[in-house]
């Protein structure tokens, strides 16, 4: 009650910067943040998966990392943990010069994958409709296990942080109910 919200949407690095600079009170992000002055509350976790358009001529699986890396890899922005983890995973598999396309706009990157412009790495939980309607398919890529996305509610500790903590606890309840 009597709480005025201003919602800013961005990826984790800029949100972390805004939080640490006291420009925002609470951030929902891929966390946790390691700074000692930050309180983190786990919200939810989503596994990542390899996806592609059914029209993309990949053949049948299972696939190797080398095989999927023949196509551009479309995923989250270059500054994000998932993007960096996928790049490292492919480098560990001996794949150099990976073509990766990243954007903070999930709808844009998903449309790119639907159009056959590359192989995607996303959380299938947010693409249930596209998967159910056959617009995307899951790929069985062996030797390239993907991490989970871990989301937290994060705020700065302090004597005036009780409201941010209360909203974060409410967000945890909402996230639990959504599962």
N, C-alpha and C. Protein backbone atom coordinates (compact mmCIF):
# COMPACT_ATOMS: atom_id res chain seq x y z
N UNK A 1 0.83 -1.20 0.00
CA UNK A 1 0.00 0.00 0.00
C UNK A 1 0.87 1.26 0.00
N UNK A 2 0.43 2.24 -0.74
CA UNK A 2 1.11 3.53 -0.82
C UNK A 2 2.55 3.41 -1.29
N UNK A 3 2.83 2.38 -2.07
CA UNK A 3 4.16 2.17 -2.61
C UNK A 3 4.14 2.57 -4.08
N UNK A 4 5.00 3.51 -4.46
CA UNK A 4 5.09 3.93 -5.85
C UNK A 4 6.24 3.17 -6.50
N UNK A 5 5.95 2.49 -7.59
CA UNK A 5 6.97 1.71 -8.28
C UNK A 5 7.38 2.39 -9.58
N UNK A 6 8.65 2.38 -9.83
CA UNK A 6 9.19 2.77 -11.13
C UNK A 6 9.99 1.56 -11.58
N UNK A 7 9.61 0.96 -12.69
CA UNK A 7 10.23 -0.28 -13.13
C UNK A 7 11.22 0.01 -14.25
N UNK A 8 12.44 -0.44 -14.05
CA UNK A 8 13.50 -0.32 -15.06
C UNK A 8 13.87 -1.72 -15.50
N UNK A 9 14.02 -1.93 -16.79
CA UNK A 9 14.36 -3.24 -17.33
C UNK A 9 15.73 -3.15 -18.00
N UNK A 10 16.62 -4.04 -17.60
CA UNK A 10 17.95 -4.09 -18.19
C UNK A 10 18.56 -5.43 -17.81
N UNK A 11 19.75 -5.72 -18.32
CA UNK A 11 20.39 -6.95 -17.91
C UNK A 11 21.19 -6.73 -16.63
N UNK A 12 21.78 -7.76 -16.11
CA UNK A 12 22.36 -7.73 -14.76
C UNK A 12 23.47 -6.71 -14.56
N UNK A 13 24.48 -6.60 -15.42
CA UNK A 13 25.56 -5.64 -15.11
C UNK A 13 25.07 -4.19 -14.88
N UNK A 14 24.22 -3.64 -15.76
CA UNK A 14 23.75 -2.27 -15.47
C UNK A 14 22.87 -2.20 -14.21
N UNK A 15 22.06 -3.23 -13.97
CA UNK A 15 21.21 -3.21 -12.77
C UNK A 15 22.07 -3.26 -11.51
N UNK A 16 23.14 -4.04 -11.53
CA UNK A 16 24.08 -4.09 -10.41
C UNK A 16 24.67 -2.69 -10.16
N UNK A 17 25.08 -2.04 -11.24
CA UNK A 17 25.64 -0.69 -11.13
C UNK A 17 24.63 0.27 -10.52
N UNK A 18 23.38 0.22 -10.98
CA UNK A 18 22.33 1.10 -10.44
C UNK A 18 22.08 0.82 -8.97
N UNK A 19 22.07 -0.45 -8.61
CA UNK A 19 21.83 -0.80 -7.21
C UNK A 19 22.95 -0.30 -6.32
N UNK A 20 24.20 -0.55 -6.70
CA UNK A 20 25.34 -0.13 -5.88
C UNK A 20 25.47 1.38 -5.80
N UNK A 21 24.96 2.10 -6.80
CA UNK A 21 24.99 3.56 -6.80
C UNK A 21 23.76 4.16 -6.12
N UNK A 22 22.91 3.32 -5.54
CA UNK A 22 21.70 3.76 -4.83
C UNK A 22 20.69 4.44 -5.77
N UNK A 23 20.74 4.11 -7.06
CA UNK A 23 19.76 4.66 -8.00
C UNK A 23 18.48 3.82 -8.02
N UNK A 24 18.58 2.58 -7.57
CA UNK A 24 17.40 1.73 -7.40
C UNK A 24 17.49 1.07 -6.03
N UNK A 25 16.35 0.64 -5.51
CA UNK A 25 16.30 0.04 -4.18
C UNK A 25 16.35 -1.48 -4.21
N UNK A 26 15.89 -2.05 -5.30
CA UNK A 26 15.75 -3.50 -5.39
C UNK A 26 15.95 -3.91 -6.84
N UNK A 27 16.67 -5.00 -7.04
CA UNK A 27 16.90 -5.50 -8.40
C UNK A 27 16.57 -6.98 -8.46
N UNK A 28 15.89 -7.38 -9.53
CA UNK A 28 15.65 -8.79 -9.82
C UNK A 28 16.60 -9.11 -10.97
N UNK A 29 17.55 -9.99 -10.71
CA UNK A 29 18.61 -10.20 -11.68
C UNK A 29 19.20 -11.59 -11.60
N UNK A 30 20.09 -11.89 -12.55
CA UNK A 30 20.84 -13.13 -12.48
C UNK A 30 21.90 -12.92 -11.42
N UNK A 31 21.70 -13.54 -10.33
CA UNK A 31 22.58 -13.32 -9.19
C UNK A 31 23.07 -14.65 -8.66
N UNK A 32 23.58 -14.59 -7.47
CA UNK A 32 23.60 -13.48 -6.53
C UNK A 32 24.76 -12.52 -6.80
N UNK A 33 24.64 -11.33 -6.22
CA UNK A 33 25.74 -10.37 -6.28
C UNK A 33 26.68 -10.65 -5.11
N UNK A 34 27.99 -10.60 -5.34
CA UNK A 34 28.95 -10.99 -4.29
C UNK A 34 29.30 -9.90 -3.28
N UNK A 35 28.91 -8.66 -3.52
CA UNK A 35 29.31 -7.58 -2.62
C UNK A 35 28.73 -7.79 -1.23
N UNK A 36 29.55 -7.50 -0.19
CA UNK A 36 29.12 -7.75 1.19
C UNK A 36 27.96 -6.85 1.61
N UNK A 37 27.81 -5.70 1.00
CA UNK A 37 26.72 -4.80 1.37
C UNK A 37 25.40 -5.15 0.71
N UNK A 38 25.40 -6.21 -0.12
CA UNK A 38 24.19 -6.62 -0.83
C UNK A 38 23.58 -7.84 -0.17
N UNK A 39 22.29 -7.77 0.03
CA UNK A 39 21.51 -8.92 0.49
C UNK A 39 20.87 -9.56 -0.73
N UNK A 40 20.98 -10.88 -0.85
CA UNK A 40 20.43 -11.63 -1.98
C UNK A 40 19.43 -12.65 -1.47
N UNK A 41 18.32 -12.75 -2.15
CA UNK A 41 17.30 -13.73 -1.82
C UNK A 41 17.00 -14.52 -3.10
N UNK A 42 17.16 -15.84 -3.05
CA UNK A 42 16.90 -16.67 -4.23
C UNK A 42 15.45 -16.57 -4.65
N UNK A 43 15.23 -16.34 -5.96
CA UNK A 43 13.87 -16.29 -6.51
C UNK A 43 13.50 -17.59 -7.21
N UNK A 44 14.30 -17.95 -8.22
CA UNK A 44 13.97 -19.13 -9.01
C UNK A 44 15.19 -19.52 -9.84
N UNK A 45 15.10 -20.71 -10.40
CA UNK A 45 16.15 -21.22 -11.28
C UNK A 45 15.48 -21.81 -12.51
N UNK A 46 16.12 -21.58 -13.66
CA UNK A 46 15.62 -22.14 -14.91
C UNK A 46 16.79 -22.77 -15.66
N UNK A 47 16.65 -24.03 -16.06
CA UNK A 47 17.71 -24.63 -16.87
C UNK A 47 17.73 -24.00 -18.27
N UNK A 48 18.91 -23.94 -18.83
CA UNK A 48 19.07 -23.50 -20.21
C UNK A 48 19.04 -24.72 -21.13
N UNK A 49 18.73 -24.50 -22.38
CA UNK A 49 18.71 -25.59 -23.36
C UNK A 49 19.10 -25.05 -24.73
N UNK A 50 19.54 -25.97 -25.57
CA UNK A 50 19.83 -25.67 -26.96
C UNK A 50 18.53 -25.79 -27.74
N UNK A 51 18.21 -24.80 -28.56
CA UNK A 51 16.97 -24.81 -29.34
C UNK A 51 17.26 -24.40 -30.78
N UNK A 52 16.36 -24.79 -31.67
CA UNK A 52 16.49 -24.40 -33.07
C UNK A 52 15.12 -24.39 -33.72
N UNK A 53 15.04 -23.74 -34.84
CA UNK A 53 13.83 -23.77 -35.67
C UNK A 53 13.75 -25.15 -36.32
N UNK A 54 12.55 -25.72 -36.41
CA UNK A 54 12.41 -26.98 -37.14
C UNK A 54 12.84 -26.85 -38.61
N UNK A 55 12.78 -25.64 -39.16
CA UNK A 55 13.18 -25.44 -40.56
C UNK A 55 14.71 -25.42 -40.75
N UNK A 56 15.44 -25.22 -39.67
CA UNK A 56 16.90 -25.20 -39.76
C UNK A 56 17.38 -26.62 -40.07
N UNK A 57 18.10 -26.79 -41.11
CA UNK A 57 18.50 -28.12 -41.57
C UNK A 57 19.69 -28.64 -40.77
N UNK A 58 19.39 -29.08 -39.56
CA UNK A 58 20.43 -29.62 -38.69
C UNK A 58 20.53 -31.14 -38.79
N UNK A 59 19.49 -31.78 -39.30
CA UNK A 59 19.45 -33.23 -39.29
C UNK A 59 18.96 -33.71 -37.93
N UNK A 60 19.17 -34.99 -37.67
CA UNK A 60 18.69 -35.53 -36.40
C UNK A 60 19.83 -35.58 -35.39
N UNK A 61 19.46 -35.60 -34.14
CA UNK A 61 20.43 -35.61 -33.05
C UNK A 61 20.74 -37.02 -32.64
N UNK A 62 21.55 -37.19 -31.62
CA UNK A 62 22.14 -36.13 -30.81
C UNK A 62 23.22 -35.36 -31.57
N UNK A 63 23.48 -34.17 -31.05
CA UNK A 63 24.41 -33.26 -31.70
C UNK A 63 25.67 -33.09 -30.85
N UNK A 64 26.76 -32.74 -31.50
CA UNK A 64 27.99 -32.39 -30.79
C UNK A 64 28.06 -30.87 -30.72
N UNK A 65 28.85 -30.34 -29.79
CA UNK A 65 29.04 -28.88 -29.77
C UNK A 65 29.61 -28.36 -31.10
N UNK A 66 30.49 -29.13 -31.71
CA UNK A 66 31.08 -28.71 -32.99
C UNK A 66 30.00 -28.58 -34.07
N UNK A 67 29.04 -29.48 -34.03
CA UNK A 67 27.99 -29.45 -35.06
C UNK A 67 27.07 -28.24 -34.89
N UNK A 68 26.64 -27.95 -33.67
CA UNK A 68 25.75 -26.79 -33.49
C UNK A 68 26.51 -25.48 -33.68
N UNK A 69 27.82 -25.49 -33.41
CA UNK A 69 28.60 -24.26 -33.55
C UNK A 69 28.89 -23.91 -35.01
N UNK A 70 28.45 -24.75 -35.94
CA UNK A 70 28.56 -24.40 -37.36
C UNK A 70 27.59 -23.27 -37.70
N UNK A 71 26.60 -23.09 -36.84
CA UNK A 71 25.61 -22.03 -37.00
C UNK A 71 25.91 -20.93 -35.99
N UNK A 72 25.47 -19.71 -36.24
CA UNK A 72 25.60 -18.69 -35.20
C UNK A 72 24.83 -19.13 -33.94
N UNK A 73 25.37 -18.84 -32.78
CA UNK A 73 24.72 -19.14 -31.52
C UNK A 73 24.02 -17.86 -31.06
N UNK A 74 22.71 -17.93 -30.93
CA UNK A 74 21.89 -16.76 -30.57
C UNK A 74 21.47 -16.93 -29.12
N UNK A 75 21.76 -15.92 -28.31
CA UNK A 75 21.46 -16.04 -26.88
C UNK A 75 21.36 -14.67 -26.23
N UNK A 76 21.56 -14.65 -24.95
CA UNK A 76 21.46 -13.43 -24.14
C UNK A 76 22.62 -12.47 -24.48
N UNK A 77 22.59 -11.23 -23.98
CA UNK A 77 23.61 -10.24 -24.36
C UNK A 77 25.04 -10.67 -23.98
N UNK A 78 26.01 -10.12 -24.71
CA UNK A 78 27.42 -10.48 -24.51
C UNK A 78 27.90 -10.23 -23.09
N UNK A 79 27.31 -9.27 -22.39
CA UNK A 79 27.74 -8.97 -21.03
C UNK A 79 27.11 -9.90 -19.99
N UNK A 80 26.21 -10.78 -20.42
CA UNK A 80 25.49 -11.64 -19.48
C UNK A 80 26.26 -12.91 -19.14
N UNK A 81 25.96 -13.46 -17.97
CA UNK A 81 26.58 -14.73 -17.56
C UNK A 81 26.27 -15.86 -18.54
N UNK A 82 25.01 -16.02 -18.98
CA UNK A 82 24.75 -17.14 -19.90
C UNK A 82 25.58 -17.05 -21.18
N UNK A 83 25.68 -15.86 -21.74
CA UNK A 83 26.47 -15.67 -22.97
C UNK A 83 27.92 -16.08 -22.71
N UNK A 84 28.48 -15.58 -21.62
CA UNK A 84 29.88 -15.87 -21.31
C UNK A 84 30.10 -17.35 -21.00
N UNK A 85 29.11 -17.98 -20.33
CA UNK A 85 29.23 -19.40 -20.02
C UNK A 85 29.17 -20.25 -21.28
N UNK A 86 28.29 -19.90 -22.21
CA UNK A 86 28.19 -20.65 -23.47
C UNK A 86 29.48 -20.49 -24.26
N UNK A 87 30.00 -19.27 -24.33
CA UNK A 87 31.26 -19.04 -25.05
C UNK A 87 32.39 -19.88 -24.43
N UNK A 88 32.47 -19.92 -23.09
CA UNK A 88 33.51 -20.70 -22.41
C UNK A 88 33.31 -22.20 -22.62
N UNK A 89 32.07 -22.64 -22.56
CA UNK A 89 31.76 -24.06 -22.78
C UNK A 89 32.23 -24.50 -24.17
N UNK A 90 31.97 -23.68 -25.17
CA UNK A 90 32.40 -24.01 -26.53
C UNK A 90 33.92 -23.94 -26.68
N UNK A 91 34.53 -22.97 -26.02
CA UNK A 91 36.00 -22.88 -26.04
C UNK A 91 36.62 -24.11 -25.38
N UNK A 92 36.03 -24.56 -24.27
CA UNK A 92 36.52 -25.77 -23.58
C UNK A 92 36.38 -27.01 -24.47
N UNK A 93 35.40 -26.98 -25.39
CA UNK A 93 35.21 -28.09 -26.33
C UNK A 93 36.13 -27.95 -27.54
N UNK A 94 37.02 -26.94 -27.52
CA UNK A 94 37.99 -26.77 -28.59
C UNK A 94 37.47 -26.01 -29.79
N UNK A 95 36.36 -25.30 -29.61
CA UNK A 95 35.77 -24.57 -30.73
C UNK A 95 36.20 -23.11 -30.65
N UNK A 96 36.96 -22.68 -31.63
CA UNK A 96 37.44 -21.30 -31.67
C UNK A 96 36.58 -20.49 -32.64
N UNK A 97 36.62 -19.20 -32.49
CA UNK A 97 35.92 -18.29 -33.39
C UNK A 97 34.43 -18.59 -33.52
N UNK A 98 33.78 -18.78 -32.39
CA UNK A 98 32.34 -19.04 -32.37
C UNK A 98 31.62 -17.75 -32.74
N UNK A 99 30.68 -17.86 -33.65
CA UNK A 99 29.84 -16.71 -34.01
C UNK A 99 28.68 -16.67 -33.03
N UNK A 100 28.67 -15.67 -32.15
CA UNK A 100 27.61 -15.54 -31.17
C UNK A 100 26.89 -14.22 -31.37
N UNK A 101 25.57 -14.27 -31.29
CA UNK A 101 24.73 -13.09 -31.41
C UNK A 101 23.96 -12.98 -30.11
N UNK A 102 24.07 -11.85 -29.44
CA UNK A 102 23.36 -11.67 -28.19
C UNK A 102 22.59 -10.38 -28.17
N UNK A 103 21.48 -10.41 -27.41
CA UNK A 103 20.67 -9.22 -27.27
C UNK A 103 19.91 -9.30 -25.96
N UNK A 104 19.63 -8.14 -25.38
CA UNK A 104 18.80 -8.08 -24.17
C UNK A 104 17.33 -8.25 -24.52
N UNK A 105 16.99 -8.21 -25.79
CA UNK A 105 15.61 -8.39 -26.22
C UNK A 105 15.36 -9.86 -26.51
N UNK A 106 14.72 -10.54 -25.56
CA UNK A 106 14.43 -11.96 -25.73
C UNK A 106 13.55 -12.19 -26.96
N UNK A 107 12.56 -11.33 -27.17
CA UNK A 107 11.67 -11.53 -28.32
C UNK A 107 12.44 -11.44 -29.63
N UNK A 108 13.41 -10.55 -29.72
CA UNK A 108 14.21 -10.41 -30.94
C UNK A 108 15.06 -11.66 -31.18
N UNK A 109 15.75 -12.12 -30.16
CA UNK A 109 16.62 -13.28 -30.35
C UNK A 109 15.82 -14.55 -30.62
N UNK A 110 14.67 -14.69 -29.97
CA UNK A 110 13.83 -15.86 -30.23
C UNK A 110 13.33 -15.83 -31.66
N UNK A 111 12.92 -14.67 -32.15
CA UNK A 111 12.47 -14.56 -33.55
C UNK A 111 13.60 -14.91 -34.52
N UNK A 112 14.82 -14.52 -34.16
CA UNK A 112 15.96 -14.87 -35.02
C UNK A 112 16.11 -16.39 -35.11
N UNK A 113 15.99 -17.08 -33.99
CA UNK A 113 16.11 -18.53 -33.99
C UNK A 113 14.93 -19.15 -34.73
N UNK A 114 13.72 -18.63 -34.51
CA UNK A 114 12.55 -19.14 -35.24
C UNK A 114 12.72 -18.99 -36.75
N UNK A 115 13.40 -17.93 -37.17
CA UNK A 115 13.62 -17.68 -38.59
C UNK A 115 14.77 -18.51 -39.17
N UNK A 116 15.43 -19.30 -38.31
CA UNK A 116 16.51 -20.16 -38.79
C UNK A 116 17.84 -19.47 -38.94
N UNK A 117 18.03 -18.36 -38.23
CA UNK A 117 19.27 -17.60 -38.35
C UNK A 117 20.40 -18.15 -37.49
N UNK A 118 20.09 -19.16 -36.69
CA UNK A 118 21.10 -19.76 -35.83
C UNK A 118 20.46 -20.69 -34.83
N UNK A 119 21.31 -21.23 -33.97
CA UNK A 119 20.88 -22.11 -32.88
C UNK A 119 20.80 -21.26 -31.62
N UNK A 120 19.75 -21.45 -30.84
CA UNK A 120 19.55 -20.63 -29.65
C UNK A 120 19.92 -21.34 -28.37
N UNK A 121 20.28 -20.55 -27.38
CA UNK A 121 20.47 -21.04 -26.02
C UNK A 121 19.60 -20.15 -25.13
N UNK A 122 18.50 -20.74 -24.64
CA UNK A 122 17.52 -20.01 -23.82
C UNK A 122 16.96 -20.95 -22.75
N UNK A 123 16.19 -20.37 -21.85
CA UNK A 123 15.46 -21.16 -20.86
C UNK A 123 14.14 -21.59 -21.48
N UNK A 124 13.93 -22.88 -21.71
CA UNK A 124 12.69 -23.35 -22.32
C UNK A 124 11.44 -22.97 -21.53
N UNK A 125 11.58 -22.75 -20.24
CA UNK A 125 10.43 -22.41 -19.41
C UNK A 125 9.73 -21.15 -19.90
N UNK A 126 10.46 -20.24 -20.51
CA UNK A 126 9.85 -19.00 -21.00
C UNK A 126 9.42 -19.11 -22.46
N UNK A 127 9.63 -20.28 -23.04
CA UNK A 127 9.28 -20.49 -24.45
C UNK A 127 8.33 -21.67 -24.62
N UNK A 128 7.51 -21.91 -23.63
CA UNK A 128 6.59 -23.06 -23.66
C UNK A 128 5.67 -23.03 -24.88
N UNK A 129 5.11 -21.85 -25.17
CA UNK A 129 4.19 -21.73 -26.30
C UNK A 129 4.89 -22.04 -27.61
N UNK A 130 6.06 -21.47 -27.82
CA UNK A 130 6.80 -21.68 -29.07
C UNK A 130 7.18 -23.16 -29.24
N UNK A 131 7.53 -23.82 -28.15
CA UNK A 131 7.87 -25.24 -28.21
C UNK A 131 6.61 -26.08 -28.47
N UNK A 132 5.52 -25.76 -27.76
CA UNK A 132 4.27 -26.52 -27.93
C UNK A 132 3.71 -26.38 -29.33
N UNK A 133 3.86 -25.20 -29.93
CA UNK A 133 3.33 -24.96 -31.28
C UNK A 133 4.29 -25.41 -32.38
N UNK A 134 5.45 -25.95 -32.00
CA UNK A 134 6.39 -26.45 -33.00
C UNK A 134 7.20 -25.38 -33.68
N UNK A 135 7.20 -24.17 -33.15
CA UNK A 135 7.99 -23.08 -33.74
C UNK A 135 9.47 -23.24 -33.40
N UNK A 136 9.74 -23.94 -32.31
CA UNK A 136 11.11 -24.25 -31.87
C UNK A 136 11.16 -25.71 -31.47
N UNK A 137 12.37 -26.27 -31.53
CA UNK A 137 12.55 -27.64 -31.03
C UNK A 137 13.77 -27.67 -30.13
N UNK A 138 13.73 -28.55 -29.14
CA UNK A 138 14.87 -28.75 -28.25
C UNK A 138 15.89 -29.63 -28.95
N UNK A 139 17.16 -29.32 -28.75
CA UNK A 139 18.24 -30.10 -29.35
C UNK A 139 18.97 -30.86 -28.25
N UNK A 140 19.27 -32.10 -28.53
CA UNK A 140 20.05 -32.93 -27.62
C UNK A 140 21.52 -32.75 -27.99
N UNK A 141 22.20 -31.86 -27.27
CA UNK A 141 23.61 -31.59 -27.54
C UNK A 141 24.44 -32.27 -26.46
N UNK A 142 25.19 -33.26 -26.86
CA UNK A 142 26.02 -34.04 -25.93
C UNK A 142 27.39 -33.39 -25.80
N UNK A 143 27.91 -33.38 -24.58
CA UNK A 143 29.24 -32.82 -24.35
C UNK A 143 29.23 -31.31 -24.18
N UNK A 144 28.06 -30.73 -24.04
CA UNK A 144 27.97 -29.27 -23.84
C UNK A 144 26.84 -28.99 -22.85
N UNK A 145 26.99 -29.48 -21.61
CA UNK A 145 25.93 -29.26 -20.62
C UNK A 145 25.82 -27.77 -20.27
N UNK A 146 24.60 -27.30 -20.29
CA UNK A 146 24.36 -25.88 -20.03
C UNK A 146 24.00 -25.66 -18.56
N UNK A 147 24.38 -24.52 -18.02
CA UNK A 147 24.06 -24.22 -16.62
C UNK A 147 22.62 -23.77 -16.45
N UNK A 148 22.23 -23.60 -15.22
CA UNK A 148 20.93 -23.02 -14.90
C UNK A 148 21.06 -21.51 -14.79
N UNK A 149 19.97 -20.82 -15.07
CA UNK A 149 19.90 -19.39 -14.77
C UNK A 149 19.38 -19.29 -13.34
N UNK A 150 20.09 -18.56 -12.53
CA UNK A 150 19.70 -18.38 -11.14
C UNK A 150 19.33 -16.91 -10.93
N UNK A 151 18.10 -16.68 -10.51
CA UNK A 151 17.62 -15.32 -10.32
C UNK A 151 17.50 -15.00 -8.84
N UNK A 152 17.87 -13.78 -8.49
CA UNK A 152 17.76 -13.33 -7.11
C UNK A 152 17.09 -11.97 -7.05
N UNK A 153 16.55 -11.70 -5.90
CA UNK A 153 16.14 -10.34 -5.54
C UNK A 153 17.30 -9.81 -4.72
N UNK A 154 17.83 -8.67 -5.08
CA UNK A 154 19.02 -8.13 -4.42
C UNK A 154 18.80 -6.68 -4.03
N UNK A 155 19.25 -6.33 -2.82
CA UNK A 155 19.11 -4.96 -2.32
C UNK A 155 20.27 -4.67 -1.39
N UNK A 156 20.49 -3.39 -1.13
CA UNK A 156 21.57 -2.97 -0.24
C UNK A 156 21.12 -3.07 1.20
N UNK A 157 21.97 -3.65 2.03
CA UNK A 157 21.69 -3.72 3.46
C UNK A 157 21.71 -2.31 4.04
N UNK A 158 20.91 -2.09 5.04
CA UNK A 158 20.91 -0.80 5.70
C UNK A 158 19.66 -0.63 6.53
N UNK A 159 19.67 0.42 7.34
CA UNK A 159 18.53 0.62 8.24
C UNK A 159 17.25 0.99 7.51
N UNK A 160 17.36 1.48 6.27
CA UNK A 160 16.15 1.82 5.52
C UNK A 160 15.84 0.80 4.41
N UNK A 161 16.36 -0.44 4.57
CA UNK A 161 16.16 -1.46 3.54
C UNK A 161 14.97 -2.39 3.83
N UNK A 162 14.21 -2.10 4.89
CA UNK A 162 13.11 -3.01 5.26
C UNK A 162 12.05 -3.12 4.16
N UNK A 163 11.78 -2.04 3.45
CA UNK A 163 10.77 -2.08 2.39
C UNK A 163 11.26 -2.93 1.20
N UNK A 164 12.50 -2.75 0.81
CA UNK A 164 13.07 -3.56 -0.27
C UNK A 164 13.06 -5.04 0.11
N UNK A 165 13.40 -5.34 1.36
CA UNK A 165 13.39 -6.73 1.83
C UNK A 165 11.98 -7.31 1.81
N UNK A 166 11.00 -6.51 2.19
CA UNK A 166 9.61 -6.98 2.19
C UNK A 166 9.12 -7.26 0.77
N UNK A 167 9.46 -6.39 -0.17
CA UNK A 167 9.07 -6.60 -1.56
C UNK A 167 9.78 -7.83 -2.11
N UNK A 168 11.03 -8.02 -1.75
CA UNK A 168 11.78 -9.20 -2.19
C UNK A 168 11.13 -10.48 -1.67
N UNK A 169 10.74 -10.50 -0.41
CA UNK A 169 10.06 -11.69 0.15
C UNK A 169 8.74 -11.95 -0.57
N UNK A 170 8.02 -10.90 -0.90
CA UNK A 170 6.79 -11.04 -1.67
C UNK A 170 7.07 -11.63 -3.06
N UNK A 171 8.15 -11.19 -3.68
CA UNK A 171 8.54 -11.71 -5.00
C UNK A 171 8.87 -13.20 -4.92
N UNK A 172 9.50 -13.63 -3.83
CA UNK A 172 9.80 -15.05 -3.65
C UNK A 172 8.50 -15.85 -3.57
N UNK A 173 7.52 -15.34 -2.85
CA UNK A 173 6.22 -16.02 -2.77
C UNK A 173 5.57 -16.13 -4.15
N UNK A 174 5.62 -15.04 -4.91
CA UNK A 174 5.04 -15.05 -6.27
C UNK A 174 5.78 -16.07 -7.15
N UNK A 175 7.11 -16.08 -7.07
CA UNK A 175 7.90 -17.02 -7.86
C UNK A 175 7.58 -18.46 -7.45
N UNK A 176 7.44 -18.72 -6.17
CA UNK A 176 7.09 -20.07 -5.70
C UNK A 176 5.72 -20.50 -6.21
N UNK A 177 4.77 -19.57 -6.22
CA UNK A 177 3.42 -19.88 -6.69
C UNK A 177 3.37 -20.13 -8.19
N UNK A 178 4.32 -19.54 -8.93
CA UNK A 178 4.31 -19.67 -10.38
C UNK A 178 4.86 -21.02 -10.84
N UNK A 179 5.56 -21.72 -9.97
CA UNK A 179 6.20 -22.99 -10.36
C UNK A 179 5.20 -24.12 -10.39
